[in-house]
Amino acid sequence: MITPLLLASLGSAKPDLRPAMLHPLSDPLVPPRRAHHSLIYDRAGQRVILTGGSTPLDGGQRFEFFNDLWTFDGTRWMQLAPSGAKLSGSTLAFVSERNRIVAFGGYAGRLRLAPLRQDKRM
């Protein structure tokens, strides 16, 4: 049995994936620069979903963590409502039947979340 230590979704029981904003690629409003973000492909929506990550501030003395959601269809970025914890370095799985993203592990400042583990009772 695989037990997720962190579970995040796109929001409510029936997540609203309609864009909060629509921006052409030339528009300066695109996802903020970051590292250790997570990307996943939504085959049904034919788009990439970006979330999480962090960016160093003050020469790496502190970090800004993200929980924003962005989609990219190859032409335009669309920003969705933020969801879940502000994490860097999470692993994602997309559950297309439920239109949800499940996040496992990650790092949030002093808090490091354990990755997926396989239960030894299997």
PDB file of N, CA and C in Angstrom:
ATOM      1  N   MET A   1       0.824  -1.169   0.000  1.00  0.00           N
ATOM      2  CA  MET A   1       0.000   0.000   0.000  1.00  0.00           C
ATOM      3  C   MET A   1       0.877   1.244   0.000  1.00  0.00           C
ATOM      4  N   ILE A   2       0.593   2.178  -0.868  1.00  0.00           N
ATOM      5  CA  ILE A   2       1.330   3.431  -0.920  1.00  0.00           C
ATOM      6  C   ILE A   2       0.515   4.478  -0.181  1.00  0.00           C
ATOM      7  N   THR A   3       1.136   5.152   0.770  1.00  0.00           N
ATOM      8  CA  THR A   3       0.442   6.142   1.581  1.00  0.00           C
ATOM      9  C   THR A   3       0.978   7.527   1.278  1.00  0.00           C
ATOM     10  N   PRO A   4       0.158   8.428   0.739  1.00  0.00           N
ATOM     11  CA  PRO A   4       0.637   9.791   0.515  1.00  0.00           C
ATOM     12  C   PRO A   4       0.723  10.520   1.845  1.00  0.00           C
ATOM     13  N   LEU A   5       1.802  11.252   2.053  1.00  0.00           N
ATOM     14  CA  LEU A   5       1.966  12.000   3.282  1.00  0.00           C
ATOM     15  C   LEU A   5       1.401  13.404   3.146  1.00  0.00           C
ATOM     16  N   LEU A   6       1.162  13.832   1.928  1.00  0.00           N
ATOM     17  CA  LEU A   6       0.535  15.126   1.687  1.00  0.00           C
ATOM     18  C   LEU A   6      -0.401  14.950   0.521  1.00  0.00           C
ATOM     19  N   LEU A   7      -1.597  15.446   0.638  1.00  0.00           N
ATOM     20  CA  LEU A   7      -2.568  15.350  -0.433  1.00  0.00           C
ATOM     21  C   LEU A   7      -3.101  16.740  -0.704  1.00  0.00           C
ATOM     22  N   ALA A   8      -2.977  17.198  -1.921  1.00  0.00           N
ATOM     23  CA  ALA A   8      -3.510  18.505  -2.312  1.00  0.00           C
ATOM     24  C   ALA A   8      -4.355  18.304  -3.549  1.00  0.00           C
ATOM     25  N   SER A   9      -5.338  19.131  -3.717  1.00  0.00           N
ATOM     26  CA  SER A   9      -6.179  19.046  -4.900  1.00  0.00           C
ATOM     27  C   SER A   9      -6.312  20.419  -5.505  1.00  0.00           C
ATOM     28  N   LEU A  10      -7.039  20.491  -6.581  1.00  0.00           N
ATOM     29  CA  LEU A  10      -7.257  21.776  -7.227  1.00  0.00           C
ATOM     30  C   LEU A  10      -8.327  22.585  -6.525  1.00  0.00           C
ATOM     31  N   GLY A  11      -8.766  22.162  -5.379  1.00  0.00           N
ATOM     32  CA  GLY A  11      -9.721  22.964  -4.630  1.00  0.00           C
ATOM     33  C   GLY A  11     -10.852  22.128  -4.068  1.00  0.00           C
ATOM     34  N   SER A  12     -12.061  22.600  -4.292  1.00  0.00           N
ATOM     35  CA  SER A  12     -13.250  21.964  -3.737  1.00  0.00           C
ATOM     36  C   SER A  12     -13.483  20.582  -4.346  1.00  0.00           C
ATOM     37  N   ALA A  13     -14.539  19.927  -3.904  1.00  0.00           N
ATOM     38  CA  ALA A  13     -14.868  18.591  -4.406  1.00  0.00           C
ATOM     39  C   ALA A  13     -15.011  18.592  -5.918  1.00  0.00           C
ATOM     40  N   LYS A  14     -15.546  19.658  -6.474  1.00  0.00           N
ATOM     41  CA  LYS A  14     -15.628  19.813  -7.922  1.00  0.00           C
ATOM     42  C   LYS A  14     -14.803  21.039  -8.285  1.00  0.00           C
ATOM     43  N   PRO A  15     -13.495  20.855  -8.532  1.00  0.00           N
ATOM     44  CA  PRO A  15     -12.629  22.001  -8.760  1.00  0.00           C
ATOM     45  C   PRO A  15     -13.036  22.790 -10.003  1.00  0.00           C
ATOM     46  N   ASP A  16     -12.911  24.090  -9.893  1.00  0.00           N
ATOM     47  CA  ASP A  16     -13.211  24.985 -10.998  1.00  0.00           C
ATOM     48  C   ASP A  16     -11.910  25.283 -11.721  1.00  0.00           C
ATOM     49  N   LEU A  17     -11.736  24.723 -12.909  1.00  0.00           N
ATOM     50  CA  LEU A  17     -10.507  24.928 -13.664  1.00  0.00           C
ATOM     51  C   LEU A  17     -10.633  26.047 -14.685  1.00  0.00           C
ATOM     52  N   ARG A  18     -11.686  26.828 -14.583  1.00  0.00           N
ATOM     53  CA  ARG A  18     -11.796  27.969 -15.492  1.00  0.00           C
ATOM     54  C   ARG A  18     -10.719  28.978 -15.144  1.00  0.00           C
ATOM     55  N   PRO A  19     -10.123  29.618 -16.137  1.00  0.00           N
ATOM     56  CA  PRO A  19      -9.040  30.566 -15.847  1.00  0.00           C
ATOM     57  C   PRO A  19      -9.533  31.785 -15.086  1.00  0.00           C
ATOM     58  N   ALA A  20      -8.718  32.218 -14.123  1.00  0.00           N
ATOM     59  CA  ALA A  20      -9.013  33.456 -13.416  1.00  0.00           C
ATOM     60  C   ALA A  20      -8.660  34.634 -14.314  1.00  0.00           C
ATOM     61  N   MET A  21      -7.630  34.472 -15.132  1.00  0.00           N
ATOM     62  CA  MET A  21      -7.171  35.508 -16.059  1.00  0.00           C
ATOM     63  C   MET A  21      -6.634  34.834 -17.307  1.00  0.00           C
ATOM     64  N   LEU A  22      -6.653  35.522 -18.394  1.00  0.00           N
ATOM     65  CA  LEU A  22      -6.129  35.009 -19.648  1.00  0.00           C
ATOM     66  C   LEU A  22      -5.110  36.012 -20.171  1.00  0.00           C
ATOM     67  N   HIS A  23      -3.907  35.542 -20.496  1.00  0.00           N
ATOM     68  CA  HIS A  23      -2.846  36.446 -20.913  1.00  0.00           C
ATOM     69  C   HIS A  23      -2.139  35.908 -22.144  1.00  0.00           C
ATOM     70  N   PRO A  24      -1.961  36.729 -23.164  1.00  0.00           N
ATOM     71  CA  PRO A  24      -1.126  36.289 -24.276  1.00  0.00           C
ATOM     72  C   PRO A  24       0.319  36.136 -23.799  1.00  0.00           C
ATOM     73  N   LEU A  25       1.107  35.327 -24.505  1.00  0.00           N
ATOM     74  CA  LEU A  25       2.480  35.052 -24.116  1.00  0.00           C
ATOM     75  C   LEU A  25       3.304  36.332 -24.007  1.00  0.00           C
ATOM     76  N   SER A  26       2.983  37.351 -24.793  1.00  0.00           N
ATOM     77  CA  SER A  26       3.747  38.593 -24.755  1.00  0.00           C
ATOM     78  C   SER A  26       3.398  39.451 -23.536  1.00  0.00           C
ATOM     79  N   ASP A  27       2.313  39.132 -22.839  1.00  0.00           N
ATOM     80  CA  ASP A  27       1.898  39.874 -21.647  1.00  0.00           C
ATOM     81  C   ASP A  27       2.923  39.636 -20.535  1.00  0.00           C
ATOM     82  N   PRO A  28       3.304  40.668 -19.803  1.00  0.00           N
ATOM     83  CA  PRO A  28       4.298  40.476 -18.741  1.00  0.00           C
ATOM     84  C   PRO A  28       3.788  39.665 -17.559  1.00  0.00           C
ATOM     85  N   LEU A  29       2.466  39.456 -17.467  1.00  0.00           N
ATOM     86  CA  LEU A  29       1.936  38.688 -16.342  1.00  0.00           C
ATOM     87  C   LEU A  29       1.995  37.196 -16.671  1.00  0.00           C
ATOM     88  N   VAL A  30       3.074  36.601 -16.279  1.00  0.00           N
ATOM     89  CA  VAL A  30       3.321  35.165 -16.448  1.00  0.00           C
ATOM     90  C   VAL A  30       3.771  34.641 -15.078  1.00  0.00           C
ATOM     91  N   PRO A  31       3.907  33.344 -14.899  1.00  0.00           N
ATOM     92  CA  PRO A  31       4.341  32.848 -13.590  1.00  0.00           C
ATOM     93  C   PRO A  31       5.649  33.491 -13.145  1.00  0.00           C
ATOM     94  N   PRO A  32       5.754  33.831 -11.861  1.00  0.00           N
ATOM     95  CA  PRO A  32       7.018  34.393 -11.359  1.00  0.00           C
ATOM     96  C   PRO A  32       8.156  33.397 -11.516  1.00  0.00           C
ATOM     97  N   ARG A  33       9.357  33.904 -11.660  1.00  0.00           N
ATOM     98  CA  ARG A  33      10.547  33.069 -11.772  1.00  0.00           C
ATOM     99  C   ARG A  33      10.690  32.225 -10.509  1.00  0.00           C
ATOM    100  N   ARG A  34      11.060  30.948 -10.688  1.00  0.00           N
ATOM    101  CA  ARG A  34      11.167  30.031  -9.555  1.00  0.00           C
ATOM    102  C   ARG A  34      12.011  28.822  -9.908  1.00  0.00           C
ATOM    103  N   ALA A  35      12.369  28.071  -8.891  1.00  0.00           N
ATOM    104  CA  ALA A  35      13.062  26.786  -9.049  1.00  0.00           C
ATOM    105  C   ALA A  35      12.300  25.751  -8.228  1.00  0.00           C
ATOM    106  N   HIS A  36      12.583  24.501  -8.456  1.00  0.00           N
ATOM    107  CA  HIS A  36      11.998  23.388  -7.697  1.00  0.00           C
ATOM    108  C   HIS A  36      10.472  23.367  -7.773  1.00  0.00           C
ATOM    109  N   HIS A  37       9.938  23.848  -8.881  1.00  0.00           N
ATOM    110  CA  HIS A  37       8.495  23.832  -9.119  1.00  0.00           C
ATOM    111  C   HIS A  37       8.076  22.457  -9.624  1.00  0.00           C
ATOM    112  N   SER A  38       6.787  22.271  -9.758  1.00  0.00           N
ATOM    113  CA  SER A  38       6.256  21.003 -10.247  1.00  0.00           C
ATOM    114  C   SER A  38       5.407  21.257 -11.481  1.00  0.00           C
ATOM    115  N   LEU A  39       5.568  20.403 -12.477  1.00  0.00           N
ATOM    116  CA  LEU A  39       4.794  20.469 -13.718  1.00  0.00           C
ATOM    117  C   LEU A  39       4.129  19.129 -13.946  1.00  0.00           C
ATOM    118  N   ILE A  40       2.948  19.191 -14.508  1.00  0.00           N
ATOM    119  CA  ILE A  40       2.246  17.959 -14.866  1.00  0.00           C
ATOM    120  C   ILE A  40       1.416  18.238 -16.111  1.00  0.00           C
ATOM    121  N   TYR A  41       1.215  17.222 -16.945  1.00  0.00           N
ATOM    122  CA  TYR A  41       0.446  17.394 -18.182  1.00  0.00           C
ATOM    123  C   TYR A  41      -0.982  16.911 -17.989  1.00  0.00           C
ATOM    124  N   ASP A  42      -1.932  17.761 -18.354  1.00  0.00           N
ATOM    125  CA  ASP A  42      -3.361  17.440 -18.333  1.00  0.00           C
ATOM    126  C   ASP A  42      -3.747  17.075 -19.764  1.00  0.00           C
ATOM    127  N   ARG A  43      -3.825  15.782 -20.048  1.00  0.00           N
ATOM    128  CA  ARG A  43      -4.091  15.318 -21.409  1.00  0.00           C
ATOM    129  C   ARG A  43      -5.460  15.774 -21.904  1.00  0.00           C
ATOM    130  N   ALA A  44      -6.485  15.680 -21.056  1.00  0.00           N
ATOM    131  CA  ALA A  44      -7.834  16.065 -21.468  1.00  0.00           C
ATOM    132  C   ALA A  44      -7.904  17.548 -21.806  1.00  0.00           C
ATOM    133  N   GLY A  45      -7.240  18.375 -21.011  1.00  0.00           N
ATOM    134  CA  GLY A  45      -7.240  19.819 -21.254  1.00  0.00           C
ATOM    135  C   GLY A  45      -6.162  20.261 -22.218  1.00  0.00           C
ATOM    136  N   GLN A  46      -5.289  19.340 -22.624  1.00  0.00           N
ATOM    137  CA  GLN A  46      -4.168  19.610 -23.522  1.00  0.00           C
ATOM    138  C   GLN A  46      -3.387  20.835 -23.056  1.00  0.00           C
ATOM    139  N   ARG A  47      -2.917  20.743 -21.805  1.00  0.00           N
ATOM    140  CA  ARG A  47      -2.187  21.852 -21.210  1.00  0.00           C
ATOM    141  C   ARG A  47      -1.224  21.321 -20.157  1.00  0.00           C
ATOM    142  N   VAL A  48      -0.256  22.132 -19.833  1.00  0.00           N
ATOM    143  CA  VAL A  48       0.673  21.850 -18.747  1.00  0.00           C
ATOM    144  C   VAL A  48       0.220  22.655 -17.546  1.00  0.00           C
ATOM    145  N   ILE A  49       0.285  22.058 -16.360  1.00  0.00           N
ATOM    146  CA  ILE A  49      -0.075  22.747 -15.131  1.00  0.00           C
ATOM    147  C   ILE A  49       1.196  22.920 -14.304  1.00  0.00           C
ATOM    148  N   LEU A  50       1.447  24.150 -13.872  1.00  0.00           N
ATOM    149  CA  LEU A  50       2.609  24.493 -13.058  1.00  0.00           C
ATOM    150  C   LEU A  50       2.136  24.914 -11.677  1.00  0.00           C
ATOM    151  N   THR A  51       2.836  24.464 -10.650  1.00  0.00           N
ATOM    152  CA  THR A  51       2.527  24.881  -9.281  1.00  0.00           C
ATOM    153  C   THR A  51       3.771  24.777  -8.427  1.00  0.00           C
ATOM    154  N   GLY A  52       3.726  25.447  -7.277  1.00  0.00           N
ATOM    155  CA  GLY A  52       4.781  25.337  -6.275  1.00  0.00           C
ATOM    156  C   GLY A  52       6.106  25.910  -6.701  1.00  0.00           C
ATOM    157  N   GLY A  53       7.115  25.543  -5.951  1.00  0.00           N
ATOM    158  CA  GLY A  53       8.459  26.026  -6.198  1.00  0.00           C
ATOM    159  C   GLY A  53       8.829  27.135  -5.227  1.00  0.00           C
ATOM    160  N   SER A  54      10.030  27.629  -5.390  1.00  0.00           N
ATOM    161  CA  SER A  54      10.520  28.698  -4.526  1.00  0.00           C
ATOM    162  C   SER A  54      11.532  29.539  -5.286  1.00  0.00           C
ATOM    163  N   THR A  55      11.766  30.718  -4.772  1.00  0.00           N
ATOM    164  CA  THR A  55      12.776  31.599  -5.340  1.00  0.00           C
ATOM    165  C   THR A  55      13.575  32.206  -4.195  1.00  0.00           C
ATOM    166  N   PRO A  56      14.903  32.263  -4.324  1.00  0.00           N
ATOM    167  CA  PRO A  56      15.716  32.813  -3.234  1.00  0.00           C
ATOM    168  C   PRO A  56      15.596  34.337  -3.168  1.00  0.00           C
ATOM    169  N   LEU A  57      15.620  34.845  -1.944  1.00  0.00           N
ATOM    170  CA  LEU A  57      15.599  36.284  -1.693  1.00  0.00           C
ATOM    171  C   LEU A  57      16.787  36.628  -0.804  1.00  0.00           C
ATOM    172  N   ASP A  58      17.215  37.864  -0.833  1.00  0.00           N
ATOM    173  CA  ASP A  58      18.328  38.332   0.014  1.00  0.00           C
ATOM    174  C   ASP A  58      19.558  37.440  -0.122  1.00  0.00           C
ATOM    175  N   GLY A  59      19.934  37.138  -1.362  1.00  0.00           N
ATOM    176  CA  GLY A  59      21.125  36.325  -1.601  1.00  0.00           C
ATOM    177  C   GLY A  59      21.022  34.915  -1.082  1.00  0.00           C
ATOM    178  N   GLY A  60      19.804  34.384  -1.024  1.00  0.00           N
ATOM    179  CA  GLY A  60      19.606  33.013  -0.562  1.00  0.00           C
ATOM    180  C   GLY A  60      19.444  32.884   0.947  1.00  0.00           C
ATOM    181  N   GLN A  61      19.336  33.997   1.637  1.00  0.00           N
ATOM    182  CA  GLN A  61      19.144  33.967   3.089  1.00  0.00           C
ATOM    183  C   GLN A  61      17.730  33.541   3.463  1.00  0.00           C
ATOM    184  N   ARG A  62      16.793  33.788   2.566  1.00  0.00           N
ATOM    185  CA  ARG A  62      15.412  33.357   2.774  1.00  0.00           C
ATOM    186  C   ARG A  62      14.797  33.042   1.415  1.00  0.00           C
ATOM    187  N   PHE A  63      13.628  32.412   1.425  1.00  0.00           N
ATOM    188  CA  PHE A  63      12.990  31.979   0.186  1.00  0.00           C
ATOM    189  C   PHE A  63      11.523  32.362   0.188  1.00  0.00           C
ATOM    190  N   GLU A  64      11.015  32.632  -1.006  1.00  0.00           N
ATOM    191  CA  GLU A  64       9.579  32.801  -1.188  1.00  0.00           C
ATOM    192  C   GLU A  64       9.057  31.500  -1.776  1.00  0.00           C
ATOM    193  N   PHE A  65       8.039  30.922  -1.143  1.00  0.00           N
ATOM    194  CA  PHE A  65       7.444  29.674  -1.605  1.00  0.00           C
ATOM    195  C   PHE A  65       6.112  29.987  -2.288  1.00  0.00           C
ATOM    196  N   PHE A  66       5.732  29.150  -3.241  1.00  0.00           N
ATOM    197  CA  PHE A  66       4.538  29.391  -4.041  1.00  0.00           C
ATOM    198  C   PHE A  66       3.519  28.265  -3.890  1.00  0.00           C
ATOM    199  N   ASN A  67       2.241  28.625  -4.002  1.00  0.00           N
ATOM    200  CA  ASN A  67       1.156  27.651  -4.116  1.00  0.00           C
ATOM    201  C   ASN A  67       0.216  28.054  -5.249  1.00  0.00           C
ATOM    202  N   ASP A  68       0.708  28.907  -6.137  1.00  0.00           N
ATOM    203  CA  ASP A  68      -0.107  29.351  -7.262  1.00  0.00           C
ATOM    204  C   ASP A  68      -0.245  28.234  -8.295  1.00  0.00           C
ATOM    205  N   LEU A  69      -1.289  28.308  -9.094  1.00  0.00           N
ATOM    206  CA  LEU A  69      -1.531  27.346 -10.171  1.00  0.00           C
ATOM    207  C   LEU A  69      -1.595  28.110 -11.489  1.00  0.00           C
ATOM    208  N   TRP A  70      -0.850  27.621 -12.469  1.00  0.00           N
ATOM    209  CA  TRP A  70      -0.840  28.208 -13.809  1.00  0.00           C
ATOM    210  C   TRP A  70      -1.015  27.089 -14.822  1.00  0.00           C
ATOM    211  N   THR A  71      -1.674  27.400 -15.927  1.00  0.00           N
ATOM    212  CA  THR A  71      -1.739  26.453 -17.037  1.00  0.00           C
ATOM    213  C   THR A  71      -1.117  27.109 -18.260  1.00  0.00           C
ATOM    214  N   PHE A  72      -0.563  26.273 -19.126  1.00  0.00           N
ATOM    215  CA  PHE A  72       0.024  26.748 -20.382  1.00  0.00           C
ATOM    216  C   PHE A  72      -0.397  25.787 -21.479  1.00  0.00           C
ATOM    217  N   ASP A  73      -1.038  26.320 -22.512  1.00  0.00           N
ATOM    218  CA  ASP A  73      -1.531  25.485 -23.609  1.00  0.00           C
ATOM    219  C   ASP A  73      -0.624  25.523 -24.833  1.00  0.00           C
ATOM    220  N   GLY A  74       0.570  26.058 -24.683  1.00  0.00           N
ATOM    221  CA  GLY A  74       1.498  26.184 -25.806  1.00  0.00           C
ATOM    222  C   GLY A  74       1.481  27.581 -26.401  1.00  0.00           C
ATOM    223  N   THR A  75       0.475  28.363 -26.058  1.00  0.00           N
ATOM    224  CA  THR A  75       0.335  29.727 -26.562  1.00  0.00           C
ATOM    225  C   THR A  75       0.157  30.742 -25.445  1.00  0.00           C
ATOM    226  N   ARG A  76      -0.680  30.398 -24.476  1.00  0.00           N
ATOM    227  CA  ARG A  76      -1.038  31.356 -23.427  1.00  0.00           C
ATOM    228  C   ARG A  76      -0.899  30.763 -22.033  1.00  0.00           C
ATOM    229  N   TRP A  77      -0.515  31.618 -21.096  1.00  0.00           N
ATOM    230  CA  TRP A  77      -0.558  31.279 -19.677  1.00  0.00           C
ATOM    231  C   TRP A  77      -1.911  31.682 -19.133  1.00  0.00           C
ATOM    232  N   MET A  78      -2.471  30.877 -18.266  1.00  0.00           N
ATOM    233  CA  MET A  78      -3.706  31.215 -17.560  1.00  0.00           C
ATOM    234  C   MET A  78      -3.464  30.962 -16.080  1.00  0.00           C
ATOM    235  N   GLN A  79      -3.830  31.916 -15.245  1.00  0.00           N
ATOM    236  CA  GLN A  79      -3.669  31.753 -13.814  1.00  0.00           C
ATOM    237  C   GLN A  79      -4.963  31.260 -13.194  1.00  0.00           C
ATOM    238  N   LEU A  80      -4.852  30.200 -12.381  1.00  0.00           N
ATOM    239  CA  LEU A  80      -5.983  29.663 -11.646  1.00  0.00           C
ATOM    240  C   LEU A  80      -5.860  30.107 -10.199  1.00  0.00           C
ATOM    241  N   ALA A  81      -6.885  29.875  -9.412  1.00  0.00           N
ATOM    242  CA  ALA A  81      -6.844  30.219  -7.993  1.00  0.00           C
ATOM    243  C   ALA A  81      -5.796  29.356  -7.287  1.00  0.00           C
ATOM    244  N   PRO A  82      -5.051  29.916  -6.329  1.00  0.00           N
ATOM    245  CA  PRO A  82      -4.058  29.126  -5.577  1.00  0.00           C
ATOM    246  C   PRO A  82      -4.727  27.972  -4.846  1.00  0.00           C
ATOM    247  N   SER A  83      -3.943  26.918  -4.584  1.00  0.00           N
ATOM    248  CA  SER A  83      -4.488  25.747  -3.907  1.00  0.00           C
ATOM    249  C   SER A  83      -3.385  25.032  -3.146  1.00  0.00           C
ATOM    250  N   GLY A  84      -3.723  24.498  -1.998  1.00  0.00           N
ATOM    251  CA  GLY A  84      -2.772  23.690  -1.245  1.00  0.00           C
ATOM    252  C   GLY A  84      -1.734  24.528  -0.520  1.00  0.00           C
ATOM    253  N   ALA A  85      -0.765  23.827   0.056  1.00  0.00           N
ATOM    254  CA  ALA A  85       0.303  24.466   0.823  1.00  0.00           C
ATOM    255  C   ALA A  85       1.341  25.070  -0.111  1.00  0.00           C
ATOM    256  N   LYS A  86       2.055  26.073   0.374  1.00  0.00           N
ATOM    257  CA  LYS A  86       3.166  26.662  -0.378  1.00  0.00           C
ATOM    258  C   LYS A  86       4.361  25.734  -0.216  1.00  0.00           C
ATOM    259  N   LEU A  87       4.694  24.997  -1.289  1.00  0.00           N
ATOM    260  CA  LEU A  87       5.737  23.979  -1.237  1.00  0.00           C
ATOM    261  C   LEU A  87       6.701  24.089  -2.401  1.00  0.00           C
ATOM    262  N   SER A  88       7.890  23.605  -2.175  1.00  0.00           N
ATOM    263  CA  SER A  88       8.924  23.513  -3.195  1.00  0.00           C
ATOM    264  C   SER A  88       9.334  22.053  -3.301  1.00  0.00           C
ATOM    265  N   GLY A  89       9.559  21.572  -4.509  1.00  0.00           N
ATOM    266  CA  GLY A  89      10.061  20.219  -4.703  1.00  0.00           C
ATOM    267  C   GLY A  89       9.067  19.102  -4.515  1.00  0.00           C
ATOM    268  N   SER A  90       7.788  19.359  -4.698  1.00  0.00           N
ATOM    269  CA  SER A  90       6.771  18.303  -4.579  1.00  0.00           C
ATOM    270  C   SER A  90       6.763  17.429  -5.832  1.00  0.00           C
ATOM    271  N   THR A  91       6.248  16.228  -5.687  1.00  0.00           N
ATOM    272  CA  THR A  91       5.995  15.343  -6.811  1.00  0.00           C
ATOM    273  C   THR A  91       4.489  15.325  -7.037  1.00  0.00           C
ATOM    274  N   LEU A  92       4.076  15.398  -8.299  1.00  0.00           N
ATOM    275  CA  LEU A  92       2.656  15.481  -8.625  1.00  0.00           C
ATOM    276  C   LEU A  92       2.173  14.264  -9.399  1.00  0.00           C
ATOM    277  N   ALA A  93       0.900  13.960  -9.223  1.00  0.00           N
ATOM    278  CA  ALA A  93       0.190  12.985 -10.050  1.00  0.00           C
ATOM    279  C   ALA A  93      -1.134  13.628 -10.426  1.00  0.00           C
ATOM    280  N   PHE A  94      -1.561  13.461 -11.673  1.00  0.00           N
ATOM    281  CA  PHE A  94      -2.832  14.018 -12.123  1.00  0.00           C
ATOM    282  C   PHE A  94      -3.836  12.888 -12.232  1.00  0.00           C
ATOM    283  N   VAL A  95      -4.954  13.001 -11.513  1.00  0.00           N
ATOM    284  CA  VAL A  95      -6.006  11.992 -11.548  1.00  0.00           C
ATOM    285  C   VAL A  95      -7.088  12.533 -12.469  1.00  0.00           C
ATOM    286  N   SER A  96      -7.018  12.137 -13.741  1.00  0.00           N
ATOM    287  CA  SER A  96      -7.902  12.720 -14.760  1.00  0.00           C
ATOM    288  C   SER A  96      -9.375  12.401 -14.517  1.00  0.00           C
ATOM    289  N   GLU A  97      -9.679  11.223 -13.979  1.00  0.00           N
ATOM    290  CA  GLU A  97     -11.071  10.849 -13.736  1.00  0.00           C
ATOM    291  C   GLU A  97     -11.738  11.782 -12.726  1.00  0.00           C
ATOM    292  N   ARG A  98     -10.954  12.369 -11.841  1.00  0.00           N
ATOM    293  CA  ARG A  98     -11.495  13.252 -10.804  1.00  0.00           C
ATOM    294  C   ARG A  98     -11.073  14.702 -10.993  1.00  0.00           C
ATOM    295  N   ASN A  99     -10.295  14.966 -12.042  1.00  0.00           N
ATOM    296  CA  ASN A  99      -9.830  16.316 -12.341  1.00  0.00           C
ATOM    297  C   ASN A  99      -9.088  16.915 -11.139  1.00  0.00           C
ATOM    298  N   ARG A 100      -8.175  16.133 -10.576  1.00  0.00           N
ATOM    299  CA  ARG A 100      -7.435  16.535  -9.379  1.00  0.00           C
ATOM    300  C   ARG A 100      -5.939  16.328  -9.568  1.00  0.00           C
ATOM    301  N   ILE A 101      -5.191  17.138  -8.828  1.00  0.00           N
ATOM    302  CA  ILE A 101      -3.746  16.963  -8.730  1.00  0.00           C
ATOM    303  C   ILE A 101      -3.469  16.484  -7.310  1.00  0.00           C
ATOM    304  N   VAL A 102      -2.647  15.455  -7.187  1.00  0.00           N
ATOM    305  CA  VAL A 102      -2.227  14.960  -5.883  1.00  0.00           C
ATOM    306  C   VAL A 102      -0.742  15.264  -5.764  1.00  0.00           C
ATOM    307  N   ALA A 103      -0.364  15.932  -4.669  1.00  0.00           N
ATOM    308  CA  ALA A 103       1.038  16.301  -4.437  1.00  0.00           C
ATOM    309  C   ALA A 103       1.591  15.473  -3.284  1.00  0.00           C
ATOM    310  N   PHE A 104       2.833  15.019  -3.432  1.00  0.00           N
ATOM    311  CA  PHE A 104       3.500  14.226  -2.411  1.00  0.00           C
ATOM    312  C   PHE A 104       4.845  14.858  -2.085  1.00  0.00           C
ATOM    313  N   GLY A 105       5.153  14.933  -0.793  1.00  0.00           N
ATOM    314  CA  GLY A 105       6.452  15.426  -0.376  1.00  0.00           C
ATOM    315  C   GLY A 105       6.602  16.911  -0.603  1.00  0.00           C
ATOM    316  N   GLY A 106       7.821  17.371  -0.506  1.00  0.00           N
ATOM    317  CA  GLY A 106       8.112  18.777  -0.711  1.00  0.00           C
ATOM    318  C   GLY A 106       8.795  19.391   0.490  1.00  0.00           C
ATOM    319  N   TYR A 107       9.037  20.685   0.378  1.00  0.00           N
ATOM    320  CA  TYR A 107       9.780  21.424   1.384  1.00  0.00           C
ATOM    321  C   TYR A 107       9.119  22.784   1.537  1.00  0.00           C
ATOM    322  N   ALA A 108       8.934  23.228   2.773  1.00  0.00           N
ATOM    323  CA  ALA A 108       8.326  24.528   3.034  1.00  0.00           C
ATOM    324  C   ALA A 108       9.089  25.216   4.158  1.00  0.00           C
ATOM    325  N   GLY A 109      10.211  25.804   3.838  1.00  0.00           N
ATOM    326  CA  GLY A 109      11.016  26.454   4.869  1.00  0.00           C
ATOM    327  C   GLY A 109      11.678  25.434   5.757  1.00  0.00           C
ATOM    328  N   ARG A 110      11.338  25.450   7.020  1.00  0.00           N
ATOM    329  CA  ARG A 110      11.940  24.499   7.970  1.00  0.00           C
ATOM    330  C   ARG A 110      11.240  23.151   7.964  1.00  0.00           C
ATOM    331  N   LEU A 111      10.104  23.071   7.292  1.00  0.00           N
ATOM    332  CA  LEU A 111       9.320  21.840   7.266  1.00  0.00           C
ATOM    333  C   LEU A 111       9.624  21.051   5.993  1.00  0.00           C
ATOM    334  N   ARG A 112      10.141  19.849   6.153  1.00  0.00           N
ATOM    335  CA  ARG A 112      10.375  18.952   5.014  1.00  0.00           C
ATOM    336  C   ARG A 112       9.376  17.823   5.119  1.00  0.00           C
ATOM    337  N   LEU A 113       8.588  17.634   4.072  1.00  0.00           N
ATOM    338  CA  LEU A 113       7.585  16.581   4.062  1.00  0.00           C
ATOM    339  C   LEU A 113       8.166  15.326   3.437  1.00  0.00           C
ATOM    340  N   ALA A 114       7.922  14.205   4.054  1.00  0.00           N
ATOM    341  CA  ALA A 114       8.483  12.937   3.586  1.00  0.00           C
ATOM    342  C   ALA A 114       7.889  12.553   2.234  1.00  0.00           C
ATOM    343  N   PRO A 115       8.660  11.893   1.394  1.00  0.00           N
ATOM    344  CA  PRO A 115       8.146  11.424   0.106  1.00  0.00           C
ATOM    345  C   PRO A 115       7.234  10.221   0.289  1.00  0.00           C
ATOM    346  N   LEU A 116       6.677   9.758  -0.819  1.00  0.00           N
ATOM    347  CA  LEU A 116       5.878   8.534  -0.792  1.00  0.00           C
ATOM    348  C   LEU A 116       6.718   7.373  -0.291  1.00  0.00           C
ATOM    349  N   ARG A 117       6.102   6.532   0.486  1.00  0.00           N
ATOM    350  CA  ARG A 117       6.797   5.332   0.948  1.00  0.00           C
ATOM    351  C   ARG A 117       5.930   4.130   0.647  1.00  0.00           C
ATOM    352  N   GLN A 118       6.557   3.024   0.370  1.00  0.00           N
ATOM    353  CA  GLN A 118       5.812   1.783   0.160  1.00  0.00           C
ATOM    354  C   GLN A 118       5.678   1.092   1.507  1.00  0.00           C
ATOM    355  N   ASP A 119       4.453   0.712   1.842  1.00  0.00           N
ATOM    356  CA  ASP A 119       4.181   0.030   3.099  1.00  0.00           C
ATOM    357  C   ASP A 119       4.796  -1.366   3.036  1.00  0.00           C
ATOM    358  N   LYS A 120       5.530  -1.758   4.056  1.00  0.00           N
ATOM    359  CA  LYS A 120       6.211  -3.057   4.074  1.00  0.00           C
ATOM    360  C   LYS A 120       5.248  -4.220   4.144  1.00  0.00           C
ATOM    361  N   ARG A 121       3.981  -3.964   4.478  1.00  0.00           N
ATOM    362  CA  ARG A 121       3.004  -5.052   4.583  1.00  0.00           C
ATOM    363  C   ARG A 121       2.516  -5.514   3.217  1.00  0.00           C
ATOM    364  N   MET A 122       2.937  -4.918   2.166  1.00  0.00           N
ATOM    365  CA  MET A 122       2.471  -5.311   0.829  1.00  0.00           C
ATOM    366  C   MET A 122       2.953  -6.686   0.459  1.00  0.00           C
TER     367      MET A 122
END
